[in-house]
PDB file of N, CA and C in Angstrom:
ATOM      1  N   MET A   1       0.825  -1.187   0.000  1.00  0.00           N
ATOM      2  CA  MET A   1       0.000   0.000   0.000  1.00  0.00           C
ATOM      3  C   MET A   1       0.872   1.255   0.000  1.00  0.00           C
ATOM      4  N   LEU A   2       1.924   1.245   0.812  1.00  0.00           N
ATOM      5  CA  LEU A   2       2.791   2.421   0.873  1.00  0.00           C
ATOM      6  C   LEU A   2       3.476   2.684  -0.465  1.00  0.00           C
ATOM      7  N   LEU A   3       3.938   1.634  -1.128  1.00  0.00           N
ATOM      8  CA  LEU A   3       4.592   1.816  -2.427  1.00  0.00           C
ATOM      9  C   LEU A   3       3.623   2.389  -3.455  1.00  0.00           C
ATOM     10  N   TYR A   4       2.406   1.872  -3.492  1.00  0.00           N
ATOM     11  CA  TYR A   4       1.410   2.390  -4.431  1.00  0.00           C
ATOM     12  C   TYR A   4       1.096   3.854  -4.141  1.00  0.00           C
ATOM     13  N   GLY A   5       1.044   4.207  -2.852  1.00  0.00           N
ATOM     14  CA  GLY A   5       0.795   5.588  -2.472  1.00  0.00           C
ATOM     15  C   GLY A   5       1.929   6.514  -2.890  1.00  0.00           C
ATOM     16  N   LEU A   6       3.163   6.074  -2.697  1.00  0.00           N
ATOM     17  CA  LEU A   6       4.310   6.885  -3.106  1.00  0.00           C
ATOM     18  C   LEU A   6       4.360   7.073  -4.618  1.00  0.00           C
ATOM     19  N   ILE A   7       4.065   6.019  -5.352  1.00  0.00           N
ATOM     20  CA  ILE A   7       4.046   6.123  -6.821  1.00  0.00           C
ATOM     21  C   ILE A   7       2.974   7.110  -7.261  1.00  0.00           C
ATOM     22  N   ALA A   8       1.810   7.050  -6.627  1.00  0.00           N
ATOM     23  CA  ALA A   8       0.704   7.932  -7.000  1.00  0.00           C
ATOM     24  C   ALA A   8       1.032   9.400  -6.745  1.00  0.00           C
ATOM     25  N   GLN A   9       1.916   9.678  -5.788  1.00  0.00           N
ATOM     26  CA  GLN A   9       2.264  11.062  -5.449  1.00  0.00           C
ATOM     27  C   GLN A   9       3.353  11.654  -6.349  1.00  0.00           C
ATOM     28  N   ASP A  10       3.971  10.855  -7.176  1.00  0.00           N
ATOM     29  CA  ASP A  10       5.036  11.355  -8.042  1.00  0.00           C
ATOM     30  C   ASP A  10       4.446  12.353  -9.038  1.00  0.00           C
ATOM     31  N   PRO A  11       4.912  13.608  -9.007  1.00  0.00           N
ATOM     32  CA  PRO A  11       4.339  14.616  -9.910  1.00  0.00           C
ATOM     33  C   PRO A  11       4.612  14.337 -11.394  1.00  0.00           C
ATOM     34  N   CYS A  12       5.614  13.523 -11.702  1.00  0.00           N
ATOM     35  CA  CYS A  12       5.934  13.210 -13.103  1.00  0.00           C
ATOM     36  C   CYS A  12       5.157  11.997 -13.614  1.00  0.00           C
ATOM     37  N   ARG A  13       4.387  11.357 -12.759  1.00  0.00           N
ATOM     38  CA  ARG A  13       3.710  10.124 -13.143  1.00  0.00           C
ATOM     39  C   ARG A  13       2.782  10.286 -14.353  1.00  0.00           C
ATOM     40  N   PRO A  14       2.013  11.375 -14.456  1.00  0.00           N
ATOM     41  CA  PRO A  14       1.132  11.477 -15.640  1.00  0.00           C
ATOM     42  C   PRO A  14       1.882  11.430 -16.967  1.00  0.00           C
ATOM     43  N   GLU A  15       3.090  12.023 -17.011  1.00  0.00           N
ATOM     44  CA  GLU A  15       3.853  12.013 -18.264  1.00  0.00           C
ATOM     45  C   GLU A  15       4.582  10.694 -18.481  1.00  0.00           C
ATOM     46  N   ARG A  16       4.967  10.025 -17.383  1.00  0.00           N
ATOM     47  CA  ARG A  16       5.744   8.784 -17.477  1.00  0.00           C
ATOM     48  C   ARG A  16       5.144   7.736 -16.530  1.00  0.00           C
ATOM     49  N   PRO A  17       3.979   7.219 -16.858  1.00  0.00           N
ATOM     50  CA  PRO A  17       3.284   6.331 -15.920  1.00  0.00           C
ATOM     51  C   PRO A  17       3.980   5.003 -15.638  1.00  0.00           C
ATOM     52  N   THR A  18       4.939   4.619 -16.472  1.00  0.00           N
ATOM     53  CA  THR A  18       5.598   3.319 -16.261  1.00  0.00           C
ATOM     54  C   THR A  18       6.990   3.448 -15.637  1.00  0.00           C
ATOM     55  N   ASP A  19       7.325   4.648 -15.139  1.00  0.00           N
ATOM     56  CA  ASP A  19       8.640   4.824 -14.498  1.00  0.00           C
ATOM     57  C   ASP A  19       8.780   3.941 -13.261  1.00  0.00           C
ATOM     58  N   TYR A  20       7.706   3.760 -12.544  1.00  0.00           N
ATOM     59  CA  TYR A  20       7.728   2.942 -11.322  1.00  0.00           C
ATOM     60  C   TYR A  20       6.653   1.877 -11.406  1.00  0.00           C
ATOM     61  N   MET A  21       7.001   0.664 -10.973  1.00  0.00           N
ATOM     62  CA  MET A  21       6.021  -0.427 -10.925  1.00  0.00           C
ATOM     63  C   MET A  21       6.310  -1.273  -9.694  1.00  0.00           C
ATOM     64  N   VAL A  22       5.258  -1.721  -9.036  1.00  0.00           N
ATOM     65  CA  VAL A  22       5.415  -2.674  -7.940  1.00  0.00           C
ATOM     66  C   VAL A  22       5.366  -4.052  -8.585  1.00  0.00           C
ATOM     67  N   VAL A  23       6.425  -4.831  -8.419  1.00  0.00           N
ATOM     68  CA  VAL A  23       6.507  -6.137  -9.087  1.00  0.00           C
ATOM     69  C   VAL A  23       6.727  -7.250  -8.067  1.00  0.00           C
ATOM     70  N   GLY A  24       6.466  -8.447  -8.488  1.00  0.00           N
ATOM     71  CA  GLY A  24       6.695  -9.611  -7.633  1.00  0.00           C
ATOM     72  C   GLY A  24       5.570  -9.822  -6.636  1.00  0.00           C
ATOM     73  N   ASP A  25       5.769 -10.815  -5.806  1.00  0.00           N
ATOM     74  CA  ASP A  25       4.769 -11.131  -4.784  1.00  0.00           C
ATOM     75  C   ASP A  25       4.836 -10.122  -3.654  1.00  0.00           C
ATOM     76  N   PHE A  26       3.693  -9.868  -3.043  1.00  0.00           N
ATOM     77  CA  PHE A  26       3.684  -9.018  -1.857  1.00  0.00           C
ATOM     78  C   PHE A  26       4.413  -9.745  -0.745  1.00  0.00           C
ATOM     79  N   LEU A  27       5.138  -9.008   0.069  1.00  0.00           N
ATOM     80  CA  LEU A  27       5.876  -9.613   1.169  1.00  0.00           C
ATOM     81  C   LEU A  27       4.956  -9.959   2.337  1.00  0.00           C
ATOM     82  N   SER A  28       3.864  -9.243   2.465  1.00  0.00           N
ATOM     83  CA  SER A  28       2.908  -9.540   3.529  1.00  0.00           C
ATOM     84  C   SER A  28       1.526  -9.066   3.098  1.00  0.00           C
ATOM     85  N   TYR A  29       0.548  -9.593   3.746  1.00  0.00           N
ATOM     86  CA  TYR A  29      -0.837  -9.178   3.541  1.00  0.00           C
ATOM     87  C   TYR A  29      -1.353  -8.765   4.907  1.00  0.00           C
ATOM     88  N   ASP A  30      -1.383  -7.474   5.140  1.00  0.00           N
ATOM     89  CA  ASP A  30      -1.768  -6.959   6.439  1.00  0.00           C
ATOM     90  C   ASP A  30      -3.228  -6.510   6.387  1.00  0.00           C
ATOM     91  N   PRO A  31      -4.091  -7.260   7.021  1.00  0.00           N
ATOM     92  CA  PRO A  31      -5.510  -6.904   6.979  1.00  0.00           C
ATOM     93  C   PRO A  31      -5.822  -5.696   7.866  1.00  0.00           C
ATOM     94  N   TYR A  32      -6.845  -4.980   7.478  1.00  0.00           N
ATOM     95  CA  TYR A  32      -7.360  -3.912   8.311  1.00  0.00           C
ATOM     96  C   TYR A  32      -8.498  -4.505   9.133  1.00  0.00           C
ATOM     97  N   GLY A  33      -8.873  -3.840  10.181  1.00  0.00           N
ATOM     98  CA  GLY A  33      -9.926  -4.376  11.026  1.00  0.00           C
ATOM     99  C   GLY A  33     -10.789  -3.282  11.608  1.00  0.00           C
ATOM    100  N   VAL A  34     -11.881  -3.705  12.190  1.00  0.00           N
ATOM    101  CA  VAL A  34     -12.791  -2.819  12.900  1.00  0.00           C
ATOM    102  C   VAL A  34     -12.694  -3.180  14.367  1.00  0.00           C
ATOM    103  N   MET A  35     -12.470  -2.185  15.194  1.00  0.00           N
ATOM    104  CA  MET A  35     -12.349  -2.466  16.620  1.00  0.00           C
ATOM    105  C   MET A  35     -13.609  -2.028  17.350  1.00  0.00           C
ATOM    106  N   TYR A  36     -14.008  -2.848  18.298  1.00  0.00           N
ATOM    107  CA  TYR A  36     -15.100  -2.509  19.201  1.00  0.00           C
ATOM    108  C   TYR A  36     -14.910  -3.305  20.479  1.00  0.00           C
ATOM    109  N   ARG A  37     -15.677  -2.962  21.494  1.00  0.00           N
ATOM    110  CA  ARG A  37     -15.496  -3.582  22.795  1.00  0.00           C
ATOM    111  C   ARG A  37     -15.615  -5.100  22.708  1.00  0.00           C
ATOM    112  N   LYS A  38     -14.758  -5.798  23.434  1.00  0.00           N
ATOM    113  CA  LYS A  38     -14.605  -7.255  23.346  1.00  0.00           C
ATOM    114  C   LYS A  38     -15.892  -8.024  23.627  1.00  0.00           C
ATOM    115  N   ASP A  39     -16.527  -7.793  24.740  1.00  0.00           N
ATOM    116  CA  ASP A  39     -17.712  -8.568  25.133  1.00  0.00           C
ATOM    117  C   ASP A  39     -18.993  -7.814  24.809  1.00  0.00           C
ATOM    118  N   ASP A  40     -19.202  -7.543  23.536  1.00  0.00           N
ATOM    119  CA  ASP A  40     -20.393  -6.811  23.093  1.00  0.00           C
ATOM    120  C   ASP A  40     -21.023  -7.565  21.928  1.00  0.00           C
ATOM    121  N   PRO A  41     -21.794  -8.618  22.217  1.00  0.00           N
ATOM    122  CA  PRO A  41     -22.371  -9.426  21.140  1.00  0.00           C
ATOM    123  C   PRO A  41     -23.313  -8.643  20.232  1.00  0.00           C
ATOM    124  N   GLN A  42     -23.971  -7.625  20.769  1.00  0.00           N
ATOM    125  CA  GLN A  42     -24.871  -6.827  19.927  1.00  0.00           C
ATOM    126  C   GLN A  42     -24.078  -6.044  18.876  1.00  0.00           C
ATOM    127  N   MET A  43     -22.973  -5.454  19.313  1.00  0.00           N
ATOM    128  CA  MET A  43     -22.145  -4.712  18.366  1.00  0.00           C
ATOM    129  C   MET A  43     -21.506  -5.661  17.361  1.00  0.00           C
ATOM    130  N   ALA A  44     -21.053  -6.820  17.818  1.00  0.00           N
ATOM    131  CA  ALA A  44     -20.466  -7.810  16.908  1.00  0.00           C
ATOM    132  C   ALA A  44     -21.472  -8.199  15.832  1.00  0.00           C
ATOM    133  N   LYS A  45     -22.718  -8.369  16.228  1.00  0.00           N
ATOM    134  CA  LYS A  45     -23.758  -8.729  15.260  1.00  0.00           C
ATOM    135  C   LYS A  45     -23.986  -7.608  14.249  1.00  0.00           C
ATOM    136  N   VAL A  46     -24.030  -6.372  14.724  1.00  0.00           N
ATOM    137  CA  VAL A  46     -24.222  -5.228  13.822  1.00  0.00           C
ATOM    138  C   VAL A  46     -23.072  -5.158  12.809  1.00  0.00           C
ATOM    139  N   VAL A  47     -21.835  -5.280  13.293  1.00  0.00           N
ATOM    140  CA  VAL A  47     -20.667  -5.195  12.403  1.00  0.00           C
ATOM    141  C   VAL A  47     -20.680  -6.348  11.398  1.00  0.00           C
ATOM    142  N   ASN A  48     -20.855  -7.559  11.881  1.00  0.00           N
ATOM    143  CA  ASN A  48     -20.846  -8.732  10.989  1.00  0.00           C
ATOM    144  C   ASN A  48     -21.984  -8.680   9.979  1.00  0.00           C
ATOM    145  N   ASP A  49     -23.192  -8.345  10.445  1.00  0.00           N
ATOM    146  CA  ASP A  49     -24.341  -8.265   9.533  1.00  0.00           C
ATOM    147  C   ASP A  49     -24.147  -7.172   8.494  1.00  0.00           C
ATOM    148  N   SER A  50     -23.576  -6.046   8.923  1.00  0.00           N
ATOM    149  CA  SER A  50     -23.361  -4.927   7.998  1.00  0.00           C
ATOM    150  C   SER A  50     -22.362  -5.295   6.905  1.00  0.00           C
ATOM    151  N   PHE A  51     -21.234  -5.899   7.300  1.00  0.00           N
ATOM    152  CA  PHE A  51     -20.244  -6.299   6.295  1.00  0.00           C
ATOM    153  C   PHE A  51     -20.800  -7.384   5.377  1.00  0.00           C
ATOM    154  N   GLN A  52     -21.587  -8.290   5.926  1.00  0.00           N
ATOM    155  CA  GLN A  52     -22.201  -9.344   5.111  1.00  0.00           C
ATOM    156  C   GLN A  52     -23.123  -8.720   4.062  1.00  0.00           C
ATOM    157  N   ALA A  53     -23.961  -7.771   4.504  1.00  0.00           N
ATOM    158  CA  ALA A  53     -24.889  -7.120   3.570  1.00  0.00           C
ATOM    159  C   ALA A  53     -24.124  -6.318   2.517  1.00  0.00           C
ATOM    160  N   LEU A  54     -23.082  -5.586   2.928  1.00  0.00           N
ATOM    161  CA  LEU A  54     -22.285  -4.806   1.973  1.00  0.00           C
ATOM    162  C   LEU A  54     -21.610  -5.709   0.945  1.00  0.00           C
ATOM    163  N   ALA A  55     -21.151  -6.861   1.382  1.00  0.00           N
ATOM    164  CA  ALA A  55     -20.512  -7.805   0.454  1.00  0.00           C
ATOM    165  C   ALA A  55     -21.537  -8.382  -0.514  1.00  0.00           C
ATOM    166  N   GLN A  56     -22.704  -8.775   0.005  1.00  0.00           N
ATOM    167  CA  GLN A  56     -23.731  -9.372  -0.847  1.00  0.00           C
ATOM    168  C   GLN A  56     -24.257  -8.382  -1.878  1.00  0.00           C
ATOM    169  N   GLU A  57     -24.323  -7.100  -1.512  1.00  0.00           N
ATOM    170  CA  GLU A  57     -24.810  -6.070  -2.438  1.00  0.00           C
ATOM    171  C   GLU A  57     -23.724  -5.611  -3.410  1.00  0.00           C
ATOM    172  N   GLY A  58     -22.487  -6.061  -3.193  1.00  0.00           N
ATOM    173  CA  GLY A  58     -21.384  -5.654  -4.056  1.00  0.00           C
ATOM    174  C   GLY A  58     -20.808  -4.294  -3.692  1.00  0.00           C
ATOM    175  N   GLU A  59     -21.264  -3.727  -2.572  1.00  0.00           N
ATOM    176  CA  GLU A  59     -20.815  -2.381  -2.200  1.00  0.00           C
ATOM    177  C   GLU A  59     -19.346  -2.351  -1.800  1.00  0.00           C
ATOM    178  N   ILE A  60     -18.860  -3.386  -1.127  1.00  0.00           N
ATOM    179  CA  ILE A  60     -17.445  -3.401  -0.743  1.00  0.00           C
ATOM    180  C   ILE A  60     -16.569  -3.373  -1.999  1.00  0.00           C
ATOM    181  N   GLU A  61     -16.936  -4.162  -2.979  1.00  0.00           N
ATOM    182  CA  GLU A  61     -16.162  -4.191  -4.225  1.00  0.00           C
ATOM    183  C   GLU A  61     -16.230  -2.845  -4.956  1.00  0.00           C
ATOM    184  N   ARG A  62     -17.427  -2.223  -4.978  1.00  0.00           N
ATOM    185  CA  ARG A  62     -17.555  -0.914  -5.636  1.00  0.00           C
ATOM    186  C   ARG A  62     -16.687   0.130  -4.933  1.00  0.00           C
ATOM    187  N   GLN A  63     -16.688   0.114  -3.606  1.00  0.00           N
ATOM    188  CA  GLN A  63     -15.880   1.081  -2.867  1.00  0.00           C
ATOM    189  C   GLN A  63     -14.387   0.815  -3.055  1.00  0.00           C
ATOM    190  N   TYR A  64     -14.018  -0.445  -3.122  1.00  0.00           N
ATOM    191  CA  TYR A  64     -12.614  -0.770  -3.382  1.00  0.00           C
ATOM    192  C   TYR A  64     -12.195  -0.167  -4.725  1.00  0.00           C
ATOM    193  N   LYS A  65     -12.982  -0.392  -5.756  1.00  0.00           N
ATOM    194  CA  LYS A  65     -12.654   0.150  -7.079  1.00  0.00           C
ATOM    195  C   LYS A  65     -12.572   1.672  -7.030  1.00  0.00           C
ATOM    196  N   ARG A  66     -13.506   2.293  -6.303  1.00  0.00           N
ATOM    197  CA  ARG A  66     -13.545   3.751  -6.221  1.00  0.00           C
ATOM    198  C   ARG A  66     -12.272   4.316  -5.604  1.00  0.00           C
ATOM    199  N   TRP A  67     -11.799   3.705  -4.524  1.00  0.00           N
ATOM    200  CA  TRP A  67     -10.686   4.292  -3.782  1.00  0.00           C
ATOM    201  C   TRP A  67      -9.319   3.722  -4.146  1.00  0.00           C
ATOM    202  N   PHE A  68      -9.257   2.567  -4.746  1.00  0.00           N
ATOM    203  CA  PHE A  68      -7.950   1.958  -5.019  1.00  0.00           C
ATOM    204  C   PHE A  68      -7.647   1.773  -6.504  1.00  0.00           C
ATOM    205  N   LEU A  69      -8.642   1.885  -7.381  1.00  0.00           N
ATOM    206  CA  LEU A  69      -8.402   1.683  -8.814  1.00  0.00           C
ATOM    207  C   LEU A  69      -8.708   2.915  -9.663  1.00  0.00           C
ATOM    208  N   ARG A  70      -9.630   3.735  -9.222  1.00  0.00           N
ATOM    209  CA  ARG A  70     -10.005   4.922 -10.006  1.00  0.00           C
ATOM    210  C   ARG A  70      -9.269   6.156  -9.478  1.00  0.00           C
ATOM    211  N   LYS A  71      -9.449   7.264 -10.188  1.00  0.00           N
ATOM    212  CA  LYS A  71      -8.823   8.511  -9.750  1.00  0.00           C
ATOM    213  C   LYS A  71      -9.441   8.969  -8.433  1.00  0.00           C
ATOM    214  N   LEU A  72      -8.565   9.409  -7.540  1.00  0.00           N
ATOM    215  CA  LEU A  72      -8.976   9.945  -6.249  1.00  0.00           C
ATOM    216  C   LEU A  72      -9.351  11.419  -6.422  1.00  0.00           C
ATOM    217  N   PRO A  73      -9.978  12.019  -5.414  1.00  0.00           N
ATOM    218  CA  PRO A  73     -10.285  13.454  -5.529  1.00  0.00           C
ATOM    219  C   PRO A  73      -9.052  14.316  -5.828  1.00  0.00           C
ATOM    220  N   SER A  74      -7.873  13.850  -5.430  1.00  0.00           N
ATOM    221  CA  SER A  74      -6.636  14.595  -5.706  1.00  0.00           C
ATOM    222  C   SER A  74      -6.234  14.516  -7.175  1.00  0.00           C
ATOM    223  N   GLY A  75      -6.860  13.612  -7.931  1.00  0.00           N
ATOM    224  CA  GLY A  75      -6.518  13.441  -9.341  1.00  0.00           C
ATOM    225  C   GLY A  75      -5.578  12.291  -9.603  1.00  0.00           C
ATOM    226  N   THR A  76      -4.988  11.730  -8.543  1.00  0.00           N
ATOM    227  CA  THR A  76      -4.095  10.586  -8.703  1.00  0.00           C
ATOM    228  C   THR A  76      -4.878   9.295  -8.547  1.00  0.00           C
ATOM    229  N   SER A  77      -4.266   8.206  -8.926  1.00  0.00           N
ATOM    230  CA  SER A  77      -4.866   6.886  -8.761  1.00  0.00           C
ATOM    231  C   SER A  77      -3.818   5.949  -8.190  1.00  0.00           C
ATOM    232  N   LEU A  78      -4.208   5.144  -7.216  1.00  0.00           N
ATOM    233  CA  LEU A  78      -3.271   4.195  -6.630  1.00  0.00           C
ATOM    234  C   LEU A  78      -3.040   3.001  -7.547  1.00  0.00           C
ATOM    235  N   ASP A  79      -4.021   2.642  -8.358  1.00  0.00           N
ATOM    236  CA  ASP A  79      -3.931   1.479  -9.251  1.00  0.00           C
ATOM    237  C   ASP A  79      -3.497   0.231  -8.485  1.00  0.00           C
ATOM    238  N   LEU A  80      -4.126  -0.002  -7.351  1.00  0.00           N
ATOM    239  CA  LEU A  80      -3.781  -1.119  -6.479  1.00  0.00           C
ATOM    240  C   LEU A  80      -4.785  -2.251  -6.674  1.00  0.00           C
ATOM    241  N   PRO A  81      -4.415  -3.316  -7.368  1.00  0.00           N
ATOM    242  CA  PRO A  81      -5.346  -4.422  -7.584  1.00  0.00           C
ATOM    243  C   PRO A  81      -5.695  -5.118  -6.273  1.00  0.00           C
ATOM    244  N   MET A  82      -6.878  -5.678  -6.232  1.00  0.00           N
ATOM    245  CA  MET A  82      -7.331  -6.410  -5.051  1.00  0.00           C
ATOM    246  C   MET A  82      -6.520  -7.700  -4.923  1.00  0.00           C
ATOM    247  N   SER A  83      -6.102  -7.993  -3.713  1.00  0.00           N
ATOM    248  CA  SER A  83      -5.318  -9.207  -3.492  1.00  0.00           C
ATOM    249  C   SER A  83      -6.201 -10.443  -3.656  1.00  0.00           C
ATOM    250  N   PRO A  84      -5.628 -11.560  -4.042  1.00  0.00           N
ATOM    251  CA  PRO A  84      -6.405 -12.800  -4.135  1.00  0.00           C
ATOM    252  C   PRO A  84      -7.051 -13.167  -2.800  1.00  0.00           C
ATOM    253  N   GLN A  85      -6.384 -12.846  -1.702  1.00  0.00           N
ATOM    254  CA  GLN A  85      -6.939 -13.159  -0.391  1.00  0.00           C
ATOM    255  C   GLN A  85      -8.216 -12.357  -0.136  1.00  0.00           C
ATOM    256  N   LEU A  86      -8.198 -11.061  -0.455  1.00  0.00           N
ATOM    257  CA  LEU A  86      -9.388 -10.242  -0.261  1.00  0.00           C
ATOM    258  C   LEU A  86     -10.503 -10.677  -1.199  1.00  0.00           C
ATOM    259  N   GLU A  87     -10.174 -11.019  -2.437  1.00  0.00           N
ATOM    260  CA  GLU A  87     -11.191 -11.520  -3.367  1.00  0.00           C
ATOM    261  C   GLU A  87     -11.878 -12.767  -2.804  1.00  0.00           C
ATOM    262  N   THR A  88     -11.098 -13.677  -2.237  1.00  0.00           N
ATOM    263  CA  THR A  88     -11.656 -14.899  -1.654  1.00  0.00           C
ATOM    264  C   THR A  88     -12.561 -14.583  -0.472  1.00  0.00           C
ATOM    265  N   ILE A  89     -12.115 -13.661   0.375  1.00  0.00           N
ATOM    266  CA  ILE A  89     -12.930 -13.273   1.533  1.00  0.00           C
ATOM    267  C   ILE A  89     -14.266 -12.691   1.073  1.00  0.00           C
ATOM    268  N   LEU A  90     -14.232 -11.811   0.075  1.00  0.00           N
ATOM    269  CA  LEU A  90     -15.469 -11.202  -0.410  1.00  0.00           C
ATOM    270  C   LEU A  90     -16.386 -12.236  -1.051  1.00  0.00           C
ATOM    271  N   GLN A  91     -15.825 -13.171  -1.801  1.00  0.00           N
ATOM    272  CA  GLN A  91     -16.646 -14.234  -2.394  1.00  0.00           C
ATOM    273  C   GLN A  91     -17.317 -15.059  -1.306  1.00  0.00           C
ATOM    274  N   THR A  92     -16.591 -15.343  -0.243  1.00  0.00           N
ATOM    275  CA  THR A  92     -17.148 -16.115   0.874  1.00  0.00           C
ATOM    276  C   THR A  92     -18.258 -15.324   1.554  1.00  0.00           C
ATOM    277  N   MET A  93     -18.051 -14.022   1.720  1.00  0.00           N
ATOM    278  CA  MET A  93     -19.064 -13.195   2.381  1.00  0.00           C
ATOM    279  C   MET A  93     -20.313 -13.011   1.530  1.00  0.00           C
ATOM    280  N   GLN A  94     -20.173 -13.132   0.210  1.00  0.00           N
ATOM    281  CA  GLN A  94     -21.300 -12.927  -0.676  1.00  0.00           C
ATOM    282  C   GLN A  94     -22.291 -14.080  -0.654  1.00  0.00           C
ATOM    283  N   VAL A  95     -21.875 -15.224  -0.122  1.00  0.00           N
ATOM    284  CA  VAL A  95     -22.768 -16.379  -0.041  1.00  0.00           C
ATOM    285  C   VAL A  95     -23.738 -16.140   1.092  1.00  0.00           C
ATOM    286  N   LYS A  96     -25.021 -16.161   0.776  1.00  0.00           N
ATOM    287  CA  LYS A  96     -26.043 -15.903   1.797  1.00  0.00           C
ATOM    288  C   LYS A  96     -26.168 -17.110   2.721  1.00  0.00           C
ATOM    289  N   ALA A  97     -26.183 -16.807   4.013  1.00  0.00           N
ATOM    290  CA  ALA A  97     -26.364 -17.867   5.010  1.00  0.00           C
ATOM    291  C   ALA A  97     -27.811 -18.341   4.973  1.00  0.00           C
ATOM    292  N   GLU A  98     -27.995 -19.635   5.126  1.00  0.00           N
ATOM    293  CA  GLU A  98     -29.363 -20.169   5.084  1.00  0.00           C
ATOM    294  C   GLU A  98     -29.858 -20.469   6.463  1.00  0.00           C
TER     295      GLU A  98
END
């Protein structure tokens, strides 16, 4: 993420978009998380249900594209493809529980 951010900030990038490229396998996959109080089953349900609904509606994927693949309000783009791990997680979340 940091490398993609630094590349996006290069003022010469529009004229020479291929000067910098992130290549090879990622060295780590550091997930982000939502924090809330440990023993709060009601909050856990709200968070889990909300993410499940966002995944099923495709909203998580749309927001990912908006912020990581398209131009940002600053005019730059991170051009950061979704990791295979995140794609798998979203596919799993999109399956409706019966």
